[in-house]
């Protein structure tokens, strides 16, 4: 029996017997499960291999974040090295080291 069939039978039961709390909870649970299945199917994640795809996408996203953080760190390190080199050149010029060479 599919989720749609279960939901339809629960709706019929609620109509016939009155809507008890247990029936309403079952209707909400089945409707949310059906909506989840439809949403995943629309996203192309309704098949059996979807879990593996999501794991792989998460790993790829984490690798991208790690690479981005590493690139920023390297950029900052090179900027600091460049500024220190400019500072040393400025000190050398100020002290007249060029005249000694």
Protein backbone atom coordinates (compact mmCIF):
# COMPACT_ATOMS: atom_id res chain seq x y z
CA UNK A 1 0.00 0.00 0.00
CA UNK A 2 1.50 3.34 -1.02
CA UNK A 3 1.60 6.45 1.13
CA UNK A 4 -1.10 8.01 -1.01
CA UNK A 5 -3.37 5.03 -0.37
CA UNK A 6 -2.68 5.13 3.37
CA UNK A 7 -3.39 8.86 3.46
CA UNK A 8 -6.63 8.39 1.52
CA UNK A 9 -7.82 5.63 3.87
CA UNK A 10 -6.96 7.74 6.93
CA UNK A 11 -8.90 10.67 5.50
CA UNK A 12 -11.89 8.39 4.87
CA UNK A 13 -11.61 7.02 8.41
CA UNK A 14 -11.54 10.54 9.84
CA UNK A 15 -14.60 11.48 7.78
CA UNK A 16 -16.55 8.40 8.86
CA UNK A 17 -15.60 8.08 12.51
CA UNK A 18 -14.81 11.65 13.37
CA UNK A 19 -11.34 13.03 13.72
CA UNK A 20 -9.74 11.59 16.83
CA UNK A 21 -6.30 12.78 17.90
CA UNK A 22 -4.64 9.52 16.86
CA UNK A 23 -6.21 9.68 13.42
CA UNK A 24 -5.22 13.32 12.96
CA UNK A 25 -1.63 12.56 13.97
CA UNK A 26 -1.52 9.66 11.52
CA UNK A 27 -2.88 11.91 8.76
CA UNK A 28 -0.27 14.57 9.46
CA UNK A 29 2.51 11.96 9.55
CA UNK A 30 1.47 10.37 6.27
CA UNK A 31 0.94 13.73 4.58
CA UNK A 32 4.35 14.97 5.66
CA UNK A 33 5.97 11.72 4.52
CA UNK A 34 4.26 12.01 1.15
CA UNK A 35 5.33 15.66 0.82
CA UNK A 36 8.91 14.72 1.70
CA UNK A 37 8.95 11.97 -0.91
CA UNK A 38 7.61 14.36 -3.55
CA UNK A 39 10.11 17.09 -2.65
CA UNK A 40 13.03 14.65 -2.82
CA UNK A 41 11.79 13.31 -6.14
CA UNK A 42 11.57 16.86 -7.56
CA UNK A 43 15.14 17.48 -6.45
CA UNK A 44 16.28 14.25 -8.08
CA UNK A 45 17.07 12.67 -4.72
CA UNK A 46 14.30 10.12 -4.61
CA UNK A 47 16.34 7.13 -5.76
CA UNK A 48 18.34 4.63 -3.74
CA UNK A 49 21.70 6.22 -4.54
CA UNK A 50 20.68 9.63 -3.24
CA UNK A 51 22.20 9.10 0.20
CA UNK A 52 25.60 8.36 -1.32
CA UNK A 53 25.27 11.41 -3.55
CA UNK A 54 24.53 13.64 -0.56
CA UNK A 55 27.50 12.23 1.36
CA UNK A 56 29.73 12.89 -1.64
CA UNK A 57 28.36 16.43 -2.02
CA UNK A 58 29.00 17.13 1.67
CA UNK A 59 32.58 15.89 1.31
CA UNK A 60 33.05 18.05 -1.76
CA UNK A 61 31.63 21.09 0.02
CA UNK A 62 33.92 20.50 3.00
CA UNK A 63 36.92 20.17 0.67
CA UNK A 64 35.94 23.47 -0.99
CA UNK A 65 35.69 25.19 2.40
CA UNK A 66 39.07 23.79 3.46
CA UNK A 67 40.68 24.94 0.19
CA UNK A 68 39.14 28.39 0.52
CA UNK A 69 40.37 28.76 4.10
CA UNK A 70 43.83 27.56 3.09
CA UNK A 71 43.96 30.01 0.18
CA UNK A 72 43.01 32.93 2.42
CA UNK A 73 45.60 31.87 4.99
CA UNK A 74 48.30 31.69 2.32
CA UNK A 75 47.26 35.08 0.93
CA UNK A 76 47.47 36.71 4.36
CA UNK A 77 50.86 35.11 5.00
CA UNK A 78 52.23 36.42 1.69
CA UNK A 79 50.84 39.88 2.39
CA UNK A 80 52.56 39.94 5.78
CA UNK A 81 55.83 38.75 4.24
CA UNK A 82 55.56 41.45 1.58
CA UNK A 83 54.92 44.15 4.16
CA UNK A 84 57.85 42.97 6.27
CA UNK A 85 60.09 42.98 3.19
CA UNK A 86 58.99 46.55 2.40
CA UNK A 87 59.68 47.53 6.00
CA UNK A 88 63.18 46.05 5.80
CA UNK A 89 63.86 47.86 2.53
CA UNK A 90 62.61 51.09 4.10
CA UNK A 91 64.88 50.62 7.09
CA UNK A 92 67.83 49.83 4.80
CA UNK A 93 67.20 52.97 2.75
CA UNK A 94 66.79 55.07 5.89
CA UNK A 95 70.09 53.79 7.31
CA UNK A 96 71.89 54.34 4.01
CA UNK A 97 72.83 50.72 3.41
CA UNK A 98 72.79 51.40 -0.35
CA UNK A 99 75.81 53.68 0.01
CA UNK A 100 77.82 50.92 1.66
CA UNK A 101 77.29 48.56 -1.28
